Amino acid sequence: MTSHQVSGPFVCAPNGWRIAIGDPESSDITVVPVIGWQPRAEDKAESSVEGSALEPVVLFDNVKEPIITTVADTIAGWSKGTYVHQVLAPGASVREVPEGWTVVDPYEG
């Protein structure tokens, strides 16, 4: 399992919260579950979620290679222009998907 350093107190997220991450290079929006929130790292100028003092911690539950990381680290490691498309409350759906893009949500259905 790949994990990254947590830089402060970690608070578990209630079940059902998700983050939709837009990747212009692959023309898709990937939806991942939020497992918690932590204070933004002091060396980061801003949170991946505009105006938030907290950074979401997410799970990519890949078979044989699960990843627990922050959204900021995810965005930094993906293609240029990757962004937080939406923070999804339990039961909410991805909205305003750009034309021609695909939503990748392994938990949908």
C-alpha atoms as a PDB file:
ATOM      1  CA  MET A   1       0.000   0.000   0.000  1.00  0.00           C
ATOM      2  CA  THR A   2       1.236   3.472  -0.846  1.00  0.00           C
ATOM      3  CA  SER A   3       0.638   6.217   1.699  1.00  0.00           C
ATOM      4  CA  HIS A   4       1.898   9.702   2.317  1.00  0.00           C
ATOM      5  CA  GLN A   5       2.850  11.683   5.417  1.00  0.00           C
ATOM      6  CA  VAL A   6      -0.067  13.208   7.298  1.00  0.00           C
ATOM      7  CA  SER A   7       0.937  16.656   8.520  1.00  0.00           C
ATOM      8  CA  GLY A   8      -1.382  17.223  11.450  1.00  0.00           C
ATOM      9  CA  PRO A   9      -4.420  16.013  13.317  1.00  0.00           C
ATOM     10  CA  PHE A  10      -6.514  13.730  11.156  1.00  0.00           C
ATOM     11  CA  VAL A  11     -10.318  13.701  11.424  1.00  0.00           C
ATOM     12  CA  CYS A  12     -12.283  10.808   9.926  1.00  0.00           C
ATOM     13  CA  ALA A  13     -14.886  11.772   7.365  1.00  0.00           C
ATOM     14  CA  PRO A  14     -18.477  10.590   7.689  1.00  0.00           C
ATOM     15  CA  ASN A  15     -19.416   7.866   5.204  1.00  0.00           C
ATOM     16  CA  GLY A  16     -20.459   8.878   1.726  1.00  0.00           C
ATOM     17  CA  TRP A  17     -18.380  12.007   1.061  1.00  0.00           C
ATOM     18  CA  ARG A  18     -16.443  11.947  -2.218  1.00  0.00           C
ATOM     19  CA  ILE A  19     -14.217  14.177  -4.319  1.00  0.00           C
ATOM     20  CA  ALA A  20     -14.551  14.491  -8.102  1.00  0.00           C
ATOM     21  CA  ILE A  21     -11.160  15.227  -9.692  1.00  0.00           C
ATOM     22  CA  GLY A  22     -11.108  16.613 -13.239  1.00  0.00           C
ATOM     23  CA  ASP A  23      -8.233  15.700 -15.553  1.00  0.00           C
ATOM     24  CA  PRO A  24      -8.251  17.672 -18.829  1.00  0.00           C
ATOM     25  CA  GLU A  25      -5.491  15.540 -20.360  1.00  0.00           C
ATOM     26  CA  SER A  26      -7.590  12.356 -20.199  1.00  0.00           C
ATOM     27  CA  SER A  27     -10.957  14.171 -20.434  1.00  0.00           C
ATOM     28  CA  ASP A  28     -12.359  12.461 -17.374  1.00  0.00           C
ATOM     29  CA  ILE A  29     -13.564  13.092 -13.865  1.00  0.00           C
ATOM     30  CA  THR A  30     -12.485  10.499 -11.312  1.00  0.00           C
ATOM     31  CA  VAL A  31     -14.572  10.144  -8.162  1.00  0.00           C
ATOM     32  CA  VAL A  32     -12.827   8.921  -5.000  1.00  0.00           C
ATOM     33  CA  PRO A  33     -14.055   8.501  -1.415  1.00  0.00           C
ATOM     34  CA  VAL A  34     -12.955  10.957   1.276  1.00  0.00           C
ATOM     35  CA  ILE A  35     -11.731   9.054   4.327  1.00  0.00           C
ATOM     36  CA  GLY A  36     -10.794  12.102   6.376  1.00  0.00           C
ATOM     37  CA  TRP A  37      -9.663  15.692   6.602  1.00  0.00           C
ATOM     38  CA  GLN A  38      -6.439  17.196   7.906  1.00  0.00           C
ATOM     39  CA  PRO A  39      -5.119  20.725   8.293  1.00  0.00           C
ATOM     40  CA  ARG A  40      -3.479  22.024   5.157  1.00  0.00           C
ATOM     41  CA  ALA A  41       0.302  21.458   5.154  1.00  0.00           C
ATOM     42  CA  GLU A  42       2.138  24.644   6.126  1.00  0.00           C
ATOM     43  CA  ASP A  43       4.341  24.459   3.030  1.00  0.00           C
ATOM     44  CA  LYS A  44       1.244  24.434   0.780  1.00  0.00           C
ATOM     45  CA  ALA A  45       0.012  27.870  -0.249  1.00  0.00           C
ATOM     46  CA  GLU A  46      -3.603  26.757  -0.446  1.00  0.00           C
ATOM     47  CA  SER A  47      -5.887  23.793  -0.109  1.00  0.00           C
ATOM     48  CA  SER A  48      -7.023  21.800  -3.123  1.00  0.00           C
ATOM     49  CA  VAL A  49     -10.539  22.857  -2.115  1.00  0.00           C
ATOM     50  CA  GLU A  50     -10.723  26.615  -2.623  1.00  0.00           C
ATOM     51  CA  GLY A  51     -11.021  28.581   0.617  1.00  0.00           C
ATOM     52  CA  SER A  52     -10.709  25.548   2.897  1.00  0.00           C
ATOM     53  CA  ALA A  53      -8.261  25.316   5.779  1.00  0.00           C
ATOM     54  CA  LEU A  54      -8.622  21.535   5.571  1.00  0.00           C
ATOM     55  CA  GLU A  55      -7.243  19.143   2.992  1.00  0.00           C
ATOM     56  CA  PRO A  56      -9.259  16.049   2.050  1.00  0.00           C
ATOM     57  CA  VAL A  57      -7.574  12.658   2.495  1.00  0.00           C
ATOM     58  CA  VAL A  58      -8.803  10.146  -0.079  1.00  0.00           C
ATOM     59  CA  LEU A  59      -8.587   6.447  -0.858  1.00  0.00           C
ATOM     60  CA  PHE A  60      -7.779   4.941  -4.236  1.00  0.00           C
ATOM     61  CA  ASP A  61      -8.687   1.334  -3.442  1.00  0.00           C
ATOM     62  CA  ASN A  62      -6.751  -0.243  -6.300  1.00  0.00           C
ATOM     63  CA  VAL A  63      -6.426  -4.024  -6.036  1.00  0.00           C
ATOM     64  CA  LYS A  64      -2.949  -4.919  -4.729  1.00  0.00           C
ATOM     65  CA  GLU A  65      -1.946  -1.253  -4.654  1.00  0.00           C
ATOM     66  CA  PRO A  66      -4.321   0.843  -2.542  1.00  0.00           C
ATOM     67  CA  ILE A  67      -3.307   4.464  -2.119  1.00  0.00           C
ATOM     68  CA  ILE A  68      -4.173   6.798   0.751  1.00  0.00           C
ATOM     69  CA  THR A  69      -3.157  10.369  -0.009  1.00  0.00           C
ATOM     70  CA  THR A  70      -4.331  13.958   0.006  1.00  0.00           C
ATOM     71  CA  VAL A  71      -6.137  15.510  -2.916  1.00  0.00           C
ATOM     72  CA  ALA A  72      -3.382  18.160  -3.152  1.00  0.00           C
ATOM     73  CA  ASP A  73      -0.739  15.447  -3.617  1.00  0.00           C
ATOM     74  CA  THR A  74      -2.953  13.686  -6.157  1.00  0.00           C
ATOM     75  CA  ILE A  75      -3.398  16.843  -8.211  1.00  0.00           C
ATOM     76  CA  ALA A  76       0.335  17.595  -8.051  1.00  0.00           C
ATOM     77  CA  GLY A  77       1.099  14.127  -9.424  1.00  0.00           C
ATOM     78  CA  TRP A  78      -1.438  14.120 -12.247  1.00  0.00           C
ATOM     79  CA  SER A  79      -1.355  16.062 -15.509  1.00  0.00           C
ATOM     80  CA  LYS A  80      -1.166  19.849 -15.631  1.00  0.00           C
ATOM     81  CA  GLY A  81      -4.573  21.447 -15.227  1.00  0.00           C
ATOM     82  CA  THR A  82      -6.002  18.718 -12.974  1.00  0.00           C
ATOM     83  CA  TYR A  83      -8.461  20.265 -10.524  1.00  0.00           C
ATOM     84  CA  VAL A  84     -11.123  19.552  -7.903  1.00  0.00           C
ATOM     85  CA  HIS A  85     -14.284  19.483  -9.965  1.00  0.00           C
ATOM     86  CA  GLN A  86     -16.657  18.991  -7.048  1.00  0.00           C
ATOM     87  CA  VAL A  87     -16.918  17.953  -3.396  1.00  0.00           C
ATOM     88  CA  LEU A  88     -19.810  15.478  -3.287  1.00  0.00           C
ATOM     89  CA  ALA A  89     -22.026  15.131  -0.242  1.00  0.00           C
ATOM     90  CA  PRO A  90     -23.545  11.685   0.359  1.00  0.00           C
ATOM     91  CA  GLY A  91     -26.021  10.899  -2.421  1.00  0.00           C
ATOM     92  CA  ALA A  92     -24.909  13.771  -4.668  1.00  0.00           C
ATOM     93  CA  SER A  93     -24.031  13.236  -8.330  1.00  0.00           C
ATOM     94  CA  VAL A  94     -21.325  14.832 -10.449  1.00  0.00           C
ATOM     95  CA  ARG A  95     -22.725  17.896 -12.211  1.00  0.00           C
ATOM     96  CA  GLU A  96     -21.615  20.061 -15.122  1.00  0.00           C
ATOM     97  CA  VAL A  97     -19.449  17.419 -16.791  1.00  0.00           C
ATOM     98  CA  PRO A  98     -17.662  19.006 -19.749  1.00  0.00           C
ATOM     99  CA  GLU A  99     -18.920  17.796 -23.119  1.00  0.00           C
ATOM    100  CA  GLY A 100     -17.093  14.662 -24.265  1.00  0.00           C
ATOM    101  CA  TRP A 101     -15.715  13.841 -20.805  1.00  0.00           C
ATOM    102  CA  THR A 102     -16.268  10.571 -18.938  1.00  0.00           C
ATOM    103  CA  VAL A 103     -17.085  10.208 -15.235  1.00  0.00           C
ATOM    104  CA  VAL A 104     -15.114   7.385 -13.624  1.00  0.00           C
ATOM    105  CA  ASP A 105     -16.919   6.364 -10.434  1.00  0.00           C
ATOM    106  CA  PRO A 106     -16.207   2.772  -9.368  1.00  0.00           C
ATOM    107  CA  TYR A 107     -18.867   2.999  -6.633  1.00  0.00           C
ATOM    108  CA  GLU A 108     -21.709   4.185  -8.844  1.00  0.00           C
ATOM    109  CA  GLY A 109     -24.440   1.759  -9.748  1.00  0.00           C
END
